[in-house]
Amino acid sequence: MMEDTDILEYENIGRKIKKSNKYSYIRGKQLTDPGSGTRVYDIDNSRLPSVTTILSATANKEFLKKWQAKVGEEEAERIKNVSSARGTCMHKFLEHYVRGTGCVDLT
């Protein structure tokens, strides 16, 4: 059986999410670090790497090399591009959902 909070959340699907003052969010300016070419956020004169930058730096590149050798360079590039486009679409969809500005076609 669903809890009352679950039912309320389910009934709010598709509605604009209300901003909560429960948390104090820090805003930073997104930059490309000239030395490394990576994305960073300037927050109070401190440069913090983006999540993508951190994940890229900690990725198992040996696994990716083996996978690329297995499927071939051309197929690996095709899969990478399709996956990248899918991720970009999902980010846009979620941004529109959170802002309550409608949804983007994910097809």
N, C-alpha and C. Protein backbone atom coordinates (compact mmCIF):
# COMPACT_ATOMS: atom_id res chain seq x y z
N MET A 1 0.84 -1.18 0.00
CA MET A 1 0.00 0.00 0.00
C MET A 1 0.88 1.25 0.00
N MET A 2 0.47 2.25 -0.78
CA MET A 2 1.25 3.48 -0.87
C MET A 2 0.99 4.38 0.34
N GLU A 3 2.06 5.01 0.80
CA GLU A 3 1.95 5.98 1.88
C GLU A 3 1.33 7.27 1.34
N ASP A 4 0.79 8.10 2.21
CA ASP A 4 0.18 9.37 1.79
C ASP A 4 1.17 10.25 1.05
N THR A 5 2.44 10.28 1.51
CA THR A 5 3.44 11.12 0.84
C THR A 5 3.74 10.60 -0.56
N ASP A 6 3.72 9.27 -0.74
CA ASP A 6 3.93 8.69 -2.06
C ASP A 6 2.80 9.05 -3.01
N ILE A 7 1.58 9.02 -2.51
CA ILE A 7 0.41 9.36 -3.33
C ILE A 7 0.48 10.83 -3.74
N LEU A 8 0.83 11.70 -2.79
CA LEU A 8 0.96 13.13 -3.09
C LEU A 8 2.03 13.35 -4.15
N GLU A 9 3.17 12.67 -4.01
CA GLU A 9 4.24 12.81 -4.98
C GLU A 9 3.78 12.32 -6.35
N TYR A 10 3.08 11.19 -6.39
CA TYR A 10 2.57 10.64 -7.65
C TYR A 10 1.60 11.60 -8.32
N GLU A 11 0.73 12.23 -7.54
CA GLU A 11 -0.25 13.16 -8.08
C GLU A 11 0.39 14.44 -8.60
N ASN A 12 1.62 14.74 -8.16
CA ASN A 12 2.30 15.96 -8.60
C ASN A 12 3.20 15.75 -9.81
N ILE A 13 3.23 14.54 -10.36
CA ILE A 13 4.06 14.28 -11.54
C ILE A 13 3.60 15.20 -12.68
N GLY A 14 4.56 15.87 -13.29
CA GLY A 14 4.26 16.77 -14.40
C GLY A 14 4.00 18.20 -13.98
N ARG A 15 3.84 18.43 -12.69
CA ARG A 15 3.66 19.80 -12.20
C ARG A 15 5.01 20.40 -11.86
N LYS A 16 5.07 21.71 -11.91
CA LYS A 16 6.32 22.42 -11.61
C LYS A 16 6.73 22.12 -10.16
N ILE A 17 8.02 21.87 -9.97
CA ILE A 17 8.54 21.62 -8.63
C ILE A 17 8.73 22.95 -7.93
N LYS A 18 8.25 23.02 -6.70
CA LYS A 18 8.36 24.26 -5.93
C LYS A 18 9.75 24.36 -5.32
N LYS A 19 10.30 25.57 -5.36
CA LYS A 19 11.62 25.80 -4.77
C LYS A 19 11.49 25.70 -3.26
N SER A 20 12.42 24.98 -2.68
CA SER A 20 12.44 24.80 -1.24
C SER A 20 13.56 25.65 -0.65
N ASN A 21 13.30 26.25 0.46
CA ASN A 21 14.32 27.03 1.16
C ASN A 21 15.02 26.18 2.22
N LYS A 22 14.79 24.86 2.16
CA LYS A 22 15.37 23.95 3.14
C LYS A 22 16.90 23.93 3.04
N TYR A 23 17.42 24.08 1.82
CA TYR A 23 18.86 24.03 1.62
C TYR A 23 19.37 25.37 1.10
N SER A 24 20.60 25.67 1.43
CA SER A 24 21.23 26.88 0.94
C SER A 24 22.17 26.49 -0.19
N TYR A 25 21.78 26.78 -1.43
CA TYR A 25 22.57 26.38 -2.58
C TYR A 25 23.61 27.45 -2.92
N ILE A 26 24.79 26.99 -3.22
CA ILE A 26 25.87 27.89 -3.60
C ILE A 26 25.87 28.02 -5.12
N ARG A 27 25.97 29.22 -5.61
CA ARG A 27 26.02 29.44 -7.05
C ARG A 27 27.45 29.72 -7.46
N GLY A 28 27.83 29.14 -8.58
CA GLY A 28 29.16 29.37 -9.11
C GLY A 28 29.09 29.65 -10.59
N LYS A 29 30.15 30.21 -11.10
CA LYS A 29 30.22 30.51 -12.53
C LYS A 29 30.94 29.35 -13.23
N GLN A 30 30.32 28.81 -14.27
CA GLN A 30 30.92 27.71 -15.03
C GLN A 30 31.98 28.26 -15.98
N LEU A 31 33.17 27.66 -15.93
CA LEU A 31 34.29 28.08 -16.77
C LEU A 31 34.97 26.88 -17.39
N THR A 32 35.75 27.13 -18.43
CA THR A 32 36.64 26.11 -18.95
C THR A 32 38.04 26.49 -18.51
N ASP A 33 38.68 25.60 -17.77
CA ASP A 33 40.01 25.86 -17.27
C ASP A 33 40.98 25.94 -18.45
N PRO A 34 41.67 27.09 -18.61
CA PRO A 34 42.54 27.26 -19.77
C PRO A 34 43.72 26.28 -19.80
N GLY A 35 44.19 25.86 -18.64
CA GLY A 35 45.34 24.96 -18.59
C GLY A 35 45.01 23.54 -19.01
N SER A 36 43.87 23.03 -18.53
CA SER A 36 43.52 21.62 -18.79
C SER A 36 42.39 21.44 -19.79
N GLY A 37 41.64 22.51 -20.04
CA GLY A 37 40.49 22.40 -20.94
C GLY A 37 39.29 21.74 -20.30
N THR A 38 39.34 21.51 -18.99
CA THR A 38 38.23 20.86 -18.28
C THR A 38 37.24 21.90 -17.77
N ARG A 39 36.02 21.44 -17.48
CA ARG A 39 34.99 22.33 -16.96
C ARG A 39 35.15 22.44 -15.45
N VAL A 40 35.14 23.67 -14.97
CA VAL A 40 35.24 23.94 -13.54
C VAL A 40 34.19 24.98 -13.16
N TYR A 41 33.95 25.08 -11.87
CA TYR A 41 33.04 26.10 -11.35
C TYR A 41 33.83 27.01 -10.43
N ASP A 42 33.74 28.31 -10.67
CA ASP A 42 34.40 29.30 -9.83
C ASP A 42 33.42 29.68 -8.72
N ILE A 43 33.76 29.27 -7.50
CA ILE A 43 32.92 29.56 -6.34
C ILE A 43 33.79 30.25 -5.31
N ASP A 44 33.49 31.50 -5.05
CA ASP A 44 34.26 32.30 -4.09
C ASP A 44 35.77 32.24 -4.39
N ASN A 45 36.13 32.41 -5.65
CA ASN A 45 37.52 32.40 -6.12
C ASN A 45 38.23 31.05 -5.92
N SER A 46 37.47 29.99 -5.74
CA SER A 46 38.02 28.63 -5.72
C SER A 46 37.48 27.91 -6.94
N ARG A 47 38.33 27.17 -7.62
CA ARG A 47 37.89 26.43 -8.81
C ARG A 47 37.64 24.98 -8.45
N LEU A 48 36.40 24.55 -8.65
CA LEU A 48 36.01 23.18 -8.34
C LEU A 48 35.68 22.46 -9.64
N PRO A 49 36.15 21.22 -9.81
CA PRO A 49 35.88 20.49 -11.04
C PRO A 49 34.41 20.07 -11.12
N SER A 50 33.91 19.96 -12.36
CA SER A 50 32.54 19.49 -12.55
C SER A 50 32.48 17.99 -12.31
N VAL A 51 31.28 17.47 -12.13
CA VAL A 51 31.08 16.04 -11.94
C VAL A 51 31.63 15.28 -13.15
N THR A 52 31.37 15.79 -14.35
CA THR A 52 31.87 15.14 -15.57
C THR A 52 33.39 15.08 -15.58
N THR A 53 34.03 16.14 -15.15
CA THR A 53 35.49 16.17 -15.09
C THR A 53 36.02 15.12 -14.12
N ILE A 54 35.38 15.00 -12.97
CA ILE A 54 35.80 14.01 -11.97
C ILE A 54 35.59 12.60 -12.50
N LEU A 55 34.43 12.33 -13.08
CA LEU A 55 34.15 11.00 -13.61
C LEU A 55 35.12 10.63 -14.72
N SER A 56 35.43 11.60 -15.57
CA SER A 56 36.35 11.35 -16.67
C SER A 56 37.75 11.02 -16.15
N ALA A 57 38.17 11.70 -15.12
CA ALA A 57 39.51 11.49 -14.57
C ALA A 57 39.63 10.16 -13.82
N THR A 58 38.51 9.63 -13.35
CA THR A 58 38.54 8.40 -12.56
C THR A 58 38.01 7.19 -13.34
N ALA A 59 37.71 7.37 -14.62
CA ALA A 59 37.15 6.28 -15.43
C ALA A 59 38.17 5.17 -15.65
N ASN A 60 37.65 3.96 -15.80
CA ASN A 60 38.49 2.80 -16.09
C ASN A 60 38.79 2.82 -17.59
N LYS A 61 39.84 3.49 -17.98
CA LYS A 61 40.16 3.65 -19.40
C LYS A 61 40.64 2.34 -20.04
N GLU A 62 41.21 1.44 -19.25
CA GLU A 62 41.64 0.15 -19.79
C GLU A 62 40.43 -0.65 -20.27
N PHE A 63 39.37 -0.61 -19.50
CA PHE A 63 38.13 -1.28 -19.90
C PHE A 63 37.62 -0.70 -21.23
N LEU A 64 37.65 0.62 -21.34
CA LEU A 64 37.17 1.26 -22.57
C LEU A 64 38.03 0.90 -23.77
N LYS A 65 39.35 0.81 -23.57
CA LYS A 65 40.25 0.42 -24.66
C LYS A 65 39.93 -1.00 -25.14
N LYS A 66 39.72 -1.91 -24.19
CA LYS A 66 39.39 -3.30 -24.54
C LYS A 66 38.05 -3.36 -25.27
N TRP A 67 37.07 -2.59 -24.78
CA TRP A 67 35.75 -2.57 -25.42
C TRP A 67 35.86 -2.02 -26.85
N GLN A 68 36.62 -0.96 -27.03
CA GLN A 68 36.80 -0.36 -28.35
C GLN A 68 37.47 -1.36 -29.31
N ALA A 69 38.45 -2.10 -28.81
CA ALA A 69 39.12 -3.11 -29.65
C ALA A 69 38.14 -4.22 -30.02
N LYS A 70 37.24 -4.54 -29.10
CA LYS A 70 36.27 -5.62 -29.34
C LYS A 70 35.23 -5.23 -30.39
N VAL A 71 34.67 -4.00 -30.29
CA VAL A 71 33.60 -3.59 -31.21
C VAL A 71 34.12 -2.86 -32.44
N GLY A 72 35.35 -2.41 -32.39
CA GLY A 72 35.93 -1.66 -33.50
C GLY A 72 35.80 -0.16 -33.28
N GLU A 73 36.76 0.59 -33.82
CA GLU A 73 36.79 2.05 -33.60
C GLU A 73 35.54 2.76 -34.13
N GLU A 74 35.13 2.37 -35.33
CA GLU A 74 33.98 3.04 -35.95
C GLU A 74 32.70 2.80 -35.15
N GLU A 75 32.47 1.56 -34.73
CA GLU A 75 31.27 1.24 -33.94
C GLU A 75 31.33 1.88 -32.57
N ALA A 76 32.51 1.90 -31.96
CA ALA A 76 32.66 2.54 -30.65
C ALA A 76 32.34 4.03 -30.75
N GLU A 77 32.80 4.67 -31.80
CA GLU A 77 32.52 6.11 -32.01
C GLU A 77 31.02 6.34 -32.21
N ARG A 78 30.38 5.45 -32.98
CA ARG A 78 28.94 5.57 -33.22
C ARG A 78 28.17 5.44 -31.89
N ILE A 79 28.51 4.43 -31.10
CA ILE A 79 27.84 4.20 -29.81
C ILE A 79 28.08 5.38 -28.88
N LYS A 80 29.31 5.89 -28.86
CA LYS A 80 29.64 7.05 -28.01
C LYS A 80 28.78 8.26 -28.38
N ASN A 81 28.64 8.52 -29.68
CA ASN A 81 27.86 9.67 -30.14
C ASN A 81 26.38 9.52 -29.82
N VAL A 82 25.83 8.32 -30.02
CA VAL A 82 24.42 8.07 -29.69
C VAL A 82 24.20 8.24 -28.19
N SER A 83 25.10 7.69 -27.39
CA SER A 83 24.98 7.79 -25.94
C SER A 83 25.10 9.23 -25.46
N SER A 84 26.00 9.97 -26.06
CA SER A 84 26.19 11.37 -25.69
C SER A 84 24.93 12.19 -26.02
N ALA A 85 24.37 11.95 -27.20
CA ALA A 85 23.14 12.67 -27.59
C ALA A 85 21.99 12.31 -26.65
N ARG A 86 21.91 11.04 -26.28
CA ARG A 86 20.85 10.60 -25.36
C ARG A 86 21.01 11.28 -24.00
N GLY A 87 22.24 11.36 -23.52
CA GLY A 87 22.48 12.01 -22.23
C GLY A 87 22.14 13.49 -22.27
N THR A 88 22.48 14.16 -23.37
CA THR A 88 22.15 15.58 -23.53
C THR A 88 20.64 15.77 -23.53
N CYS A 89 19.93 14.91 -24.24
CA CYS A 89 18.46 14.99 -24.27
C CYS A 89 17.87 14.80 -22.88
N MET A 90 18.40 13.84 -22.15
CA MET A 90 17.87 13.57 -20.81
C MET A 90 18.11 14.76 -19.89
N HIS A 91 19.29 15.37 -19.97
CA HIS A 91 19.57 16.56 -19.16
C HIS A 91 18.58 17.67 -19.49
N LYS A 92 18.32 17.90 -20.78
CA LYS A 92 17.37 18.94 -21.19
C LYS A 92 15.97 18.62 -20.71
N PHE A 93 15.56 17.36 -20.84
CA PHE A 93 14.24 16.93 -20.38
C PHE A 93 14.09 17.19 -18.89
N LEU A 94 15.08 16.79 -18.10
CA LEU A 94 15.01 16.97 -16.65
C LEU A 94 15.02 18.45 -16.27
N GLU A 95 15.81 19.24 -16.98
CA GLU A 95 15.83 20.68 -16.69
C GLU A 95 14.46 21.30 -16.94
N HIS A 96 13.84 20.95 -18.07
CA HIS A 96 12.50 21.47 -18.36
C HIS A 96 11.48 20.98 -17.34
N TYR A 97 11.61 19.74 -16.91
CA TYR A 97 10.69 19.19 -15.92
C TYR A 97 10.81 19.95 -14.60
N VAL A 98 12.04 20.15 -14.15
CA VAL A 98 12.26 20.85 -12.88
C VAL A 98 11.78 22.29 -12.96
N ARG A 99 12.02 22.94 -14.11
CA ARG A 99 11.59 24.34 -14.27
C ARG A 99 10.09 24.47 -14.53
N GLY A 100 9.44 23.36 -14.87
CA GLY A 100 8.01 23.40 -15.16
C GLY A 100 7.70 24.07 -16.49
N THR A 101 8.63 23.99 -17.44
CA THR A 101 8.45 24.67 -18.72
C THR A 101 8.04 23.71 -19.84
N GLY A 102 7.56 22.53 -19.47
CA GLY A 102 7.16 21.56 -20.49
C GLY A 102 8.29 20.59 -20.74
N CYS A 103 8.06 19.62 -21.60
CA CYS A 103 9.10 18.63 -21.82
C CYS A 103 9.60 18.67 -23.25
N VAL A 104 10.75 18.13 -23.43
CA VAL A 104 11.41 18.09 -24.72
C VAL A 104 11.17 16.70 -25.31
N ASP A 105 11.03 16.63 -26.59
CA ASP A 105 10.85 15.35 -27.27
C ASP A 105 12.12 14.53 -27.14
N LEU A 106 12.04 13.36 -26.53
CA LEU A 106 13.22 12.52 -26.33
C LEU A 106 13.42 11.51 -27.45
N THR A 107 12.60 11.56 -28.50
CA THR A 107 12.78 10.61 -29.59
C THR A 107 13.91 11.05 -30.45
